[in-house]
Amino acid sequence: MDMANDGGTRRERAASTHAKLVSAARELFAERGYHDTSTPEVVARAGVTRGALYHHFRDKEALFETVFHQLERELRELSAAEVSDLASDRFRQLQEGVQSFLRVVAMRADIQQILLIDAPSVFGWRRWREMGADSILGDIGDAFRDLIRDGVIRPQPVLPLAHLVLAALTEASMMIAHSVDPEATRIEVSDALRNLIAGLR
């Protein structure tokens, strides 16, 4: 027996099982919400055994956390892709990046349900903010440092400014997720955020 080959096959099977579980959980969490989704339902949709689920994930919350990070990464990547050609105009890139972020939130029911409705109750408000904030806060802070250095906005402490803009973006996203008309709410909060950021010049 080719032991190396056998090891590779086992790793491939494990990776496939992991992917099936994450995909099934993501679908169910988006459709029903975290609290109304059971692990037997995830296992059934994934077509794997209950033992396989607990081999890969400690519990339902650990599975949810994996789905959360996958979606959070998608949200950031989709938002950034829309403004990648605006790198030469950092202020416009910041403004349009915020707008792009809100557009993705408004279009994606799975992002609304998993990242913004369920996650705060699953992880607790503080941990949820920490999990989703670090990378976005860094991006916003970098943008403000560049804009202050280039004289585009007036000098001021970057960290509190970045935190305040992130808080506004987070609250706008929550309003969209909890709205009966996400697109109409997006338009309203987008205008408010655009004006808020424009006032920094």
C-alpha atoms as a PDB file:
ATOM      1  CA  MET A   1       0.000   0.000   0.000  1.00  0.00           C
ATOM      2  CA  ASP A   2       1.250   3.476  -0.833  1.00  0.00           C
ATOM      3  CA  MET A   3       1.109   5.100   2.603  1.00  0.00           C
ATOM      4  CA  ALA A   4       1.744   8.609   1.242  1.00  0.00           C
ATOM      5  CA  ASN A   5      -1.093   8.176  -1.227  1.00  0.00           C
ATOM      6  CA  ASP A   6      -3.383   6.826   1.469  1.00  0.00           C
ATOM      7  CA  GLY A   7      -2.566   9.788   3.712  1.00  0.00           C
ATOM      8  CA  GLY A   8      -3.305  12.183   0.886  1.00  0.00           C
ATOM      9  CA  THR A   9      -6.633  10.483   0.231  1.00  0.00           C
ATOM     10  CA  ARG A  10      -7.600  10.733   3.907  1.00  0.00           C
ATOM     11  CA  ARG A  11      -6.749  14.429   3.941  1.00  0.00           C
ATOM     12  CA  GLU A  12      -8.817  14.965   0.801  1.00  0.00           C
ATOM     13  CA  ARG A  13     -11.778  13.119   2.335  1.00  0.00           C
ATOM     14  CA  ALA A  14     -11.453  15.135   5.528  1.00  0.00           C
ATOM     15  CA  ALA A  15     -11.299  18.401   3.581  1.00  0.00           C
ATOM     16  CA  SER A  16     -14.337  17.359   1.544  1.00  0.00           C
ATOM     17  CA  THR A  17     -16.317  16.488   4.678  1.00  0.00           C
ATOM     18  CA  HIS A  18     -15.341  19.785   6.305  1.00  0.00           C
ATOM     19  CA  ALA A  19     -16.438  21.729   3.220  1.00  0.00           C
ATOM     20  CA  LYS A  20     -19.774  19.869   3.045  1.00  0.00           C
ATOM     21  CA  LEU A  21     -20.511  20.630   6.681  1.00  0.00           C
ATOM     22  CA  VAL A  22     -19.668  24.319   6.322  1.00  0.00           C
ATOM     23  CA  SER A  23     -21.727  24.620   3.133  1.00  0.00           C
ATOM     24  CA  ALA A  24     -24.744  22.866   4.662  1.00  0.00           C
ATOM     25  CA  ALA A  25     -24.536  24.903   7.861  1.00  0.00           C
ATOM     26  CA  ARG A  26     -24.218  28.134   5.923  1.00  0.00           C
ATOM     27  CA  GLU A  27     -27.361  27.353   3.920  1.00  0.00           C
ATOM     28  CA  LEU A  28     -29.372  26.390   6.985  1.00  0.00           C
ATOM     29  CA  PHE A  29     -28.192  29.282   9.148  1.00  0.00           C
ATOM     30  CA  ALA A  30     -29.127  31.673   6.330  1.00  0.00           C
ATOM     31  CA  GLU A  31     -32.536  30.051   5.790  1.00  0.00           C
ATOM     32  CA  ARG A  32     -33.618  29.456   9.389  1.00  0.00           C
ATOM     33  CA  GLY A  33     -31.218  31.292  11.629  1.00  0.00           C
ATOM     34  CA  TYR A  34     -28.743  29.837  14.091  1.00  0.00           C
ATOM     35  CA  HIS A  35     -31.190  29.106  16.898  1.00  0.00           C
ATOM     36  CA  ASP A  36     -33.688  27.268  14.675  1.00  0.00           C
ATOM     37  CA  THR A  37     -31.043  25.080  13.032  1.00  0.00           C
ATOM     38  CA  SER A  38     -30.138  21.765  14.668  1.00  0.00           C
ATOM     39  CA  THR A  39     -26.950  19.763  14.199  1.00  0.00           C
ATOM     40  CA  PRO A  40     -28.916  16.709  12.930  1.00  0.00           C
ATOM     41  CA  GLU A  41     -30.300  18.944  10.160  1.00  0.00           C
ATOM     42  CA  VAL A  42     -26.789  20.085   9.245  1.00  0.00           C
ATOM     43  CA  VAL A  43     -25.550  16.488   9.164  1.00  0.00           C
ATOM     44  CA  ALA A  44     -28.493  15.383   7.008  1.00  0.00           C
ATOM     45  CA  ARG A  45     -28.028  18.173   4.486  1.00  0.00           C
ATOM     46  CA  ALA A  46     -24.274  17.610   4.331  1.00  0.00           C
ATOM     47  CA  GLY A  47     -24.756  13.871   3.838  1.00  0.00           C
ATOM     48  CA  VAL A  48     -22.240  12.928   6.527  1.00  0.00           C
ATOM     49  CA  THR A  49     -22.376  11.241   9.923  1.00  0.00           C
ATOM     50  CA  ARG A  50     -22.913  12.948  13.264  1.00  0.00           C
ATOM     51  CA  GLY A  51     -19.499  11.673  14.302  1.00  0.00           C
ATOM     52  CA  ALA A  52     -17.951  13.477  11.335  1.00  0.00           C
ATOM     53  CA  LEU A  53     -19.484  16.743  12.508  1.00  0.00           C
ATOM     54  CA  TYR A  54     -17.963  16.451  15.965  1.00  0.00           C
ATOM     55  CA  HIS A  55     -14.648  15.310  14.546  1.00  0.00           C
ATOM     56  CA  HIS A  56     -14.341  18.628  12.696  1.00  0.00           C
ATOM     57  CA  PHE A  57     -16.184  20.985  15.054  1.00  0.00           C
ATOM     58  CA  ARG A  58     -16.435  21.113  18.837  1.00  0.00           C
ATOM     59  CA  ASP A  59     -20.107  22.124  18.732  1.00  0.00           C
ATOM     60  CA  LYS A  60     -22.670  24.083  16.736  1.00  0.00           C
ATOM     61  CA  GLU A  61     -21.178  27.405  17.828  1.00  0.00           C
ATOM     62  CA  ALA A  62     -17.742  26.405  16.495  1.00  0.00           C
ATOM     63  CA  LEU A  63     -19.347  25.521  13.163  1.00  0.00           C
ATOM     64  CA  PHE A  64     -21.177  28.845  13.162  1.00  0.00           C
ATOM     65  CA  GLU A  65     -17.919  30.665  13.857  1.00  0.00           C
ATOM     66  CA  THR A  66     -16.325  29.075  10.780  1.00  0.00           C
ATOM     67  CA  VAL A  67     -19.290  30.163   8.657  1.00  0.00           C
ATOM     68  CA  PHE A  68     -19.109  33.649  10.199  1.00  0.00           C
ATOM     69  CA  HIS A  69     -15.451  34.098   9.263  1.00  0.00           C
ATOM     70  CA  GLN A  70     -16.067  32.787   5.744  1.00  0.00           C
ATOM     71  CA  LEU A  71     -18.879  35.280   5.166  1.00  0.00           C
ATOM     72  CA  GLU A  72     -17.032  38.154   6.821  1.00  0.00           C
ATOM     73  CA  ARG A  73     -14.098  37.545   4.481  1.00  0.00           C
ATOM     74  CA  GLU A  74     -16.434  37.473   1.460  1.00  0.00           C
ATOM     75  CA  LEU A  75     -18.043  40.744   2.524  1.00  0.00           C
ATOM     76  CA  ARG A  76     -14.684  42.485   2.787  1.00  0.00           C
ATOM     77  CA  GLU A  77     -13.390  41.047  -0.500  1.00  0.00           C
ATOM     78  CA  LEU A  78     -16.533  41.938  -2.453  1.00  0.00           C
ATOM     79  CA  SER A  79     -16.549  45.462  -1.035  1.00  0.00           C
ATOM     80  CA  ALA A  80     -12.855  46.004  -1.772  1.00  0.00           C
ATOM     81  CA  ALA A  81     -13.122  44.650  -5.317  1.00  0.00           C
ATOM     82  CA  GLU A  82     -15.603  47.376  -6.267  1.00  0.00           C
ATOM     83  CA  VAL A  83     -13.187  50.176  -5.360  1.00  0.00           C
ATOM     84  CA  SER A  84      -9.820  48.662  -6.259  1.00  0.00           C
ATOM     85  CA  ASP A  85      -9.446  51.023  -9.239  1.00  0.00           C
ATOM     86  CA  LEU A  86      -9.787  54.119  -7.011  1.00  0.00           C
ATOM     87  CA  ALA A  87      -6.463  53.695  -5.191  1.00  0.00           C
ATOM     88  CA  SER A  88      -5.154  56.989  -6.588  1.00  0.00           C
ATOM     89  CA  ASP A  89      -7.953  58.914  -4.819  1.00  0.00           C
ATOM     90  CA  ARG A  90      -7.949  57.710  -1.220  1.00  0.00           C
ATOM     91  CA  PHE A  91     -10.832  59.916  -0.073  1.00  0.00           C
ATOM     92  CA  ARG A  92     -13.094  58.742  -2.858  1.00  0.00           C
ATOM     93  CA  GLN A  93     -11.942  55.164  -2.270  1.00  0.00           C
ATOM     94  CA  LEU A  94     -12.942  55.471   1.395  1.00  0.00           C
ATOM     95  CA  GLN A  95     -16.317  56.984   0.544  1.00  0.00           C
ATOM     96  CA  GLU A  96     -17.109  54.438  -2.158  1.00  0.00           C
ATOM     97  CA  GLY A  97     -15.720  51.585  -0.059  1.00  0.00           C
ATOM     98  CA  VAL A  98     -18.279  52.369   2.633  1.00  0.00           C
ATOM     99  CA  GLN A  99     -21.035  52.534   0.014  1.00  0.00           C
ATOM    100  CA  SER A 100     -19.898  49.253  -1.530  1.00  0.00           C
ATOM    101  CA  PHE A 101     -19.903  47.579   1.892  1.00  0.00           C
ATOM    102  CA  LEU A 102     -23.504  48.639   2.492  1.00  0.00           C
ATOM    103  CA  ARG A 103     -24.586  47.531  -0.986  1.00  0.00           C
ATOM    104  CA  VAL A 104     -23.230  44.037  -0.378  1.00  0.00           C
ATOM    105  CA  VAL A 105     -24.975  43.887   3.001  1.00  0.00           C
ATOM    106  CA  ALA A 106     -28.281  44.966   1.452  1.00  0.00           C
ATOM    107  CA  MET A 107     -28.038  42.429  -1.392  1.00  0.00           C
ATOM    108  CA  ARG A 108     -27.068  39.412   0.699  1.00  0.00           C
ATOM    109  CA  ALA A 109     -29.713  37.931   2.986  1.00  0.00           C
ATOM    110  CA  ASP A 110     -27.178  35.382   4.261  1.00  0.00           C
ATOM    111  CA  ILE A 111     -24.832  38.156   5.408  1.00  0.00           C
ATOM    112  CA  GLN A 112     -27.720  39.945   7.101  1.00  0.00           C
ATOM    113  CA  GLN A 113     -28.934  36.850   8.946  1.00  0.00           C
ATOM    114  CA  ILE A 114     -25.612  35.313   9.937  1.00  0.00           C
ATOM    115  CA  LEU A 115     -23.258  38.262  10.461  1.00  0.00           C
ATOM    116  CA  LEU A 116     -25.663  40.888  11.729  1.00  0.00           C
ATOM    117  CA  ILE A 117     -28.740  39.223  13.231  1.00  0.00           C
ATOM    118  CA  ASP A 118     -27.509  35.954  14.730  1.00  0.00           C
ATOM    119  CA  ALA A 119     -23.829  36.577  15.461  1.00  0.00           C
ATOM    120  CA  PRO A 120     -24.293  39.229  18.192  1.00  0.00           C
ATOM    121  CA  SER A 121     -26.529  36.880  20.195  1.00  0.00           C
ATOM    122  CA  VAL A 122     -24.383  33.794  19.565  1.00  0.00           C
ATOM    123  CA  PHE A 123     -21.031  35.375  20.468  1.00  0.00           C
ATOM    124  CA  GLY A 124     -22.169  38.205  22.710  1.00  0.00           C
ATOM    125  CA  TRP A 125     -21.988  41.845  21.678  1.00  0.00           C
ATOM    126  CA  ARG A 126     -18.392  42.489  22.760  1.00  0.00           C
ATOM    127  CA  ARG A 127     -16.872  39.391  21.156  1.00  0.00           C
ATOM    128  CA  TRP A 128     -18.910  39.926  17.988  1.00  0.00           C
ATOM    129  CA  ARG A 129     -17.549  43.457  17.637  1.00  0.00           C
ATOM    130  CA  GLU A 130     -13.990  42.268  18.204  1.00  0.00           C
ATOM    131  CA  MET A 131     -14.318  39.418  15.691  1.00  0.00           C
ATOM    132  CA  GLY A 132     -15.591  41.611  12.894  1.00  0.00           C
ATOM    133  CA  ALA A 133     -13.893  44.892  13.686  1.00  0.00           C
ATOM    134  CA  ASP A 134     -10.140  44.335  13.695  1.00  0.00           C
ATOM    135  CA  SER A 135      -9.509  44.068   9.971  1.00  0.00           C
ATOM    136  CA  ILE A 136     -12.039  46.744   8.988  1.00  0.00           C
ATOM    137  CA  LEU A 137     -10.791  49.106  11.686  1.00  0.00           C
ATOM    138  CA  GLY A 138      -7.264  48.691  10.342  1.00  0.00           C
ATOM    139  CA  ASP A 139      -8.386  49.527   6.804  1.00  0.00           C
ATOM    140  CA  ILE A 140     -10.264  52.633   7.939  1.00  0.00           C
ATOM    141  CA  GLY A 141      -7.368  53.758  10.114  1.00  0.00           C
ATOM    142  CA  ASP A 142      -4.875  53.333   7.264  1.00  0.00           C
ATOM    143  CA  ALA A 143      -7.097  55.398   4.981  1.00  0.00           C
ATOM    144  CA  PHE A 144      -7.345  58.238   7.506  1.00  0.00           C
ATOM    145  CA  ARG A 145      -3.576  58.234   8.140  1.00  0.00           C
ATOM    146  CA  ASP A 146      -2.958  58.600   4.410  1.00  0.00           C
ATOM    147  CA  LEU A 147      -5.572  61.341   4.076  1.00  0.00           C
ATOM    148  CA  ILE A 148      -4.161  63.326   7.013  1.00  0.00           C
ATOM    149  CA  ARG A 149      -0.604  62.920   5.706  1.00  0.00           C
ATOM    150  CA  ASP A 150      -1.674  64.171   2.269  1.00  0.00           C
ATOM    151  CA  GLY A 151      -3.558  67.126   3.725  1.00  0.00           C
ATOM    152  CA  VAL A 152      -6.938  65.921   2.456  1.00  0.00           C
ATOM    153  CA  ILE A 153      -8.527  66.008   5.903  1.00  0.00           C
ATOM    154  CA  ARG A 154      -7.500  68.092   8.898  1.00  0.00           C
ATOM    155  CA  PRO A 155      -5.059  66.569  11.411  1.00  0.00           C
ATOM    156  CA  GLN A 156      -6.749  64.701  14.252  1.00  0.00           C
ATOM    157  CA  PRO A 157      -6.274  61.517  16.311  1.00  0.00           C
ATOM    158  CA  VAL A 158      -6.762  58.582  13.945  1.00  0.00           C
ATOM    159  CA  LEU A 159      -7.846  55.812  16.317  1.00  0.00           C
ATOM    160  CA  PRO A 160     -10.945  57.481  17.809  1.00  0.00           C
ATOM    161  CA  LEU A 161     -11.922  58.734  14.362  1.00  0.00           C
ATOM    162  CA  ALA A 162     -11.638  55.240  12.864  1.00  0.00           C
ATOM    163  CA  HIS A 163     -13.632  53.763  15.760  1.00  0.00           C
ATOM    164  CA  LEU A 164     -16.418  56.307  15.325  1.00  0.00           C
ATOM    165  CA  VAL A 165     -16.695  55.757  11.572  1.00  0.00           C
ATOM    166  CA  LEU A 166     -16.658  51.981  12.098  1.00  0.00           C
ATOM    167  CA  ALA A 167     -19.413  52.334  14.715  1.00  0.00           C
ATOM    168  CA  ALA A 168     -21.509  54.306  12.235  1.00  0.00           C
ATOM    169  CA  LEU A 169     -20.886  51.710   9.509  1.00  0.00           C
ATOM    170  CA  THR A 170     -21.780  48.882  11.898  1.00  0.00           C
ATOM    171  CA  GLU A 171     -24.992  50.568  13.004  1.00  0.00           C
ATOM    172  CA  ALA A 172     -25.942  51.293   9.387  1.00  0.00           C
ATOM    173  CA  SER A 173     -25.396  47.623   8.528  1.00  0.00           C
ATOM    174  CA  MET A 174     -27.536  46.540  11.490  1.00  0.00           C
ATOM    175  CA  MET A 175     -30.324  48.863  10.377  1.00  0.00           C
ATOM    176  CA  ILE A 176     -30.246  47.287   6.911  1.00  0.00           C
ATOM    177  CA  ALA A 177     -30.255  43.738   8.290  1.00  0.00           C
ATOM    178  CA  HIS A 178     -33.222  44.373  10.586  1.00  0.00           C
ATOM    179  CA  SER A 179     -35.233  46.337   8.020  1.00  0.00           C
ATOM    180  CA  VAL A 180     -38.302  45.032   6.184  1.00  0.00           C
ATOM    181  CA  ASP A 181     -36.923  46.832   3.113  1.00  0.00           C
ATOM    182  CA  PRO A 182     -33.115  46.491   3.159  1.00  0.00           C
ATOM    183  CA  GLU A 183     -32.562  48.394  -0.081  1.00  0.00           C
ATOM    184  CA  ALA A 184     -34.650  51.404   0.957  1.00  0.00           C
ATOM    185  CA  THR A 185     -32.850  51.488   4.295  1.00  0.00           C
ATOM    186  CA  ARG A 186     -29.492  51.217   2.539  1.00  0.00           C
ATOM    187  CA  ILE A 187     -30.252  54.316   0.485  1.00  0.00           C
ATOM    188  CA  GLU A 188     -31.152  56.295   3.609  1.00  0.00           C
ATOM    189  CA  VAL A 189     -28.144  55.258   5.693  1.00  0.00           C
ATOM    190  CA  SER A 190     -25.770  55.548   2.725  1.00  0.00           C
ATOM    191  CA  ASP A 191     -26.631  59.205   2.274  1.00  0.00           C
ATOM    192  CA  ALA A 192     -26.148  59.871   5.979  1.00  0.00           C
ATOM    193  CA  LEU A 193     -22.760  58.134   6.061  1.00  0.00           C
ATOM    194  CA  ARG A 194     -21.598  59.880   2.903  1.00  0.00           C
ATOM    195  CA  ASN A 195     -22.415  63.255   4.456  1.00  0.00           C
ATOM    196  CA  LEU A 196     -20.731  62.280   7.717  1.00  0.00           C
ATOM    197  CA  ILE A 197     -17.460  61.366   6.010  1.00  0.00           C
ATOM    198  CA  ALA A 198     -17.630  64.356   3.644  1.00  0.00           C
ATOM    199  CA  GLY A 199     -17.720  66.624   6.700  1.00  0.00           C
ATOM    200  CA  LEU A 200     -14.188  65.539   7.624  1.00  0.00           C
ATOM    201  CA  ARG A 201     -12.656  67.489   4.739  1.00  0.00           C
END
